[in-house]
Amino acid sequence: MNQQRQEFFPGYAETFTRICRERGWPPVTRAAFDAQRGATGALLVGSPEEVAEKIRRHSESLGGISRVTFQMDNAQMNYAQLMRSIELIGMRMSPLLNN
């Protein structure tokens, strides 16, 4: 498992399990998270290369997309991790999509 998934999952699970409890749904599982971050899932979590490839694949499937919005808050991500994620998007992921 890569570092991005290891760092993101605990806060994701904490937040969405709380929401699930409020709505009477079962808690988030690791399997559900992995399914959503898989090739056809909605979550963009991974290396800059993995995220760029997933965006490209979704864009092709949808007939072209012109923008992506990242919701990056997470119950357990600290400021340094968030800033590093933003840096990776701008410096490594974005150039992969703009060529």
Protein backbone atom coordinates (compact mmCIF):
# COMPACT_ATOMS: atom_id res chain seq x y z
CA MET A 1 0.00 0.00 0.00
CA ASN A 2 1.42 3.39 -0.86
CA GLN A 3 2.01 6.21 1.60
CA GLN A 4 -0.84 8.36 0.28
CA ARG A 5 -3.43 5.68 1.00
CA GLN A 6 -1.93 4.92 4.42
CA GLU A 7 -2.07 8.59 5.41
CA PHE A 8 -5.50 9.36 3.95
CA PHE A 9 -7.60 6.38 5.04
CA PRO A 10 -7.74 6.90 8.84
CA GLY A 11 -9.11 10.45 8.59
CA TYR A 12 -11.44 9.51 5.75
CA ALA A 13 -12.80 6.59 7.77
CA GLU A 14 -13.20 8.76 10.88
CA THR A 15 -15.14 11.46 9.07
CA PHE A 16 -17.37 9.22 6.99
CA THR A 17 -18.04 6.75 9.79
CA ARG A 18 -19.35 9.68 11.85
CA ILE A 19 -21.56 10.76 8.95
CA CYS A 20 -22.73 7.18 8.44
CA ARG A 21 -23.63 6.84 12.12
CA GLU A 22 -25.69 10.05 11.96
CA ARG A 23 -27.59 8.69 8.96
CA GLY A 24 -28.03 5.13 10.20
CA TRP A 25 -25.61 3.58 7.72
CA PRO A 26 -22.87 1.05 8.48
CA PRO A 27 -19.35 2.36 9.16
CA VAL A 28 -16.84 2.84 6.37
CA THR A 29 -14.71 -0.21 5.70
CA ARG A 30 -11.25 -0.47 4.20
CA ALA A 31 -12.74 -2.51 1.33
CA ALA A 32 -15.25 0.25 0.51
CA PHE A 33 -12.47 2.86 0.59
CA ASP A 34 -10.27 0.73 -1.68
CA ALA A 35 -13.16 0.26 -4.11
CA GLN A 36 -13.74 4.04 -4.28
CA ARG A 37 -10.06 4.74 -4.84
CA GLY A 38 -9.80 1.96 -7.43
CA ALA A 39 -9.77 2.50 -11.18
CA THR A 40 -13.47 3.28 -11.54
CA GLY A 41 -14.14 4.78 -8.09
CA ALA A 42 -14.69 8.42 -7.22
CA LEU A 43 -11.69 9.03 -4.91
CA LEU A 44 -8.47 10.51 -6.26
CA VAL A 45 -5.96 9.20 -3.73
CA GLY A 46 -2.50 8.03 -4.75
CA SER A 47 0.71 9.16 -6.35
CA PRO A 48 0.63 12.11 -8.77
CA GLU A 49 0.97 9.62 -11.62
CA GLU A 50 -1.92 7.46 -10.38
CA VAL A 51 -4.19 10.47 -9.90
CA ALA A 52 -3.32 11.91 -13.33
CA GLU A 53 -4.04 8.58 -15.00
CA LYS A 54 -7.37 8.25 -13.22
CA ILE A 55 -8.41 11.78 -14.20
CA ARG A 56 -7.40 11.07 -17.80
CA ARG A 57 -9.35 7.78 -17.82
CA HIS A 58 -12.47 9.40 -16.34
CA SER A 59 -12.22 12.28 -18.80
CA GLU A 60 -12.05 9.88 -21.74
CA SER A 61 -15.02 7.91 -20.38
CA LEU A 62 -17.09 11.06 -19.92
CA GLY A 63 -16.25 12.61 -23.28
CA GLY A 64 -13.84 15.18 -21.85
CA ILE A 65 -13.76 17.15 -18.63
CA SER A 66 -12.39 20.64 -18.27
CA ARG A 67 -11.83 20.88 -14.53
CA VAL A 68 -11.43 18.83 -11.38
CA THR A 69 -12.16 20.03 -7.86
CA PHE A 70 -10.20 18.51 -5.00
CA GLN A 71 -11.78 18.29 -1.56
CA MET A 72 -8.67 17.81 0.49
CA ASP A 73 -9.72 18.25 4.09
CA ASN A 74 -9.33 15.16 6.20
CA ALA A 75 -9.79 14.65 9.93
CA GLN A 76 -6.22 13.48 10.42
CA MET A 77 -4.18 15.31 7.78
CA ASN A 78 -1.91 17.91 9.26
CA TYR A 79 -0.98 21.23 7.67
CA ALA A 80 2.34 19.95 6.28
CA GLN A 81 0.63 16.97 4.62
CA LEU A 82 -2.01 19.20 3.09
CA MET A 83 0.58 21.63 1.75
CA ARG A 84 2.64 18.76 0.35
CA SER A 85 -0.47 17.40 -1.42
CA ILE A 86 -1.15 20.80 -2.99
CA GLU A 87 2.49 21.03 -4.07
CA LEU A 88 2.34 17.57 -5.68
CA ILE A 89 -0.82 18.50 -7.58
CA GLY A 90 0.77 21.63 -8.99
CA MET A 91 4.30 20.44 -9.58
CA ARG A 92 3.92 16.79 -10.57
CA MET A 93 0.32 15.86 -11.38
CA SER A 94 -0.86 18.89 -13.34
CA PRO A 95 2.01 18.78 -15.87
CA LEU A 96 1.09 15.15 -16.64
CA LEU A 97 -2.36 16.29 -17.72
CA ASN A 98 -1.25 19.34 -19.67
CA ASN A 99 0.88 17.62 -22.26
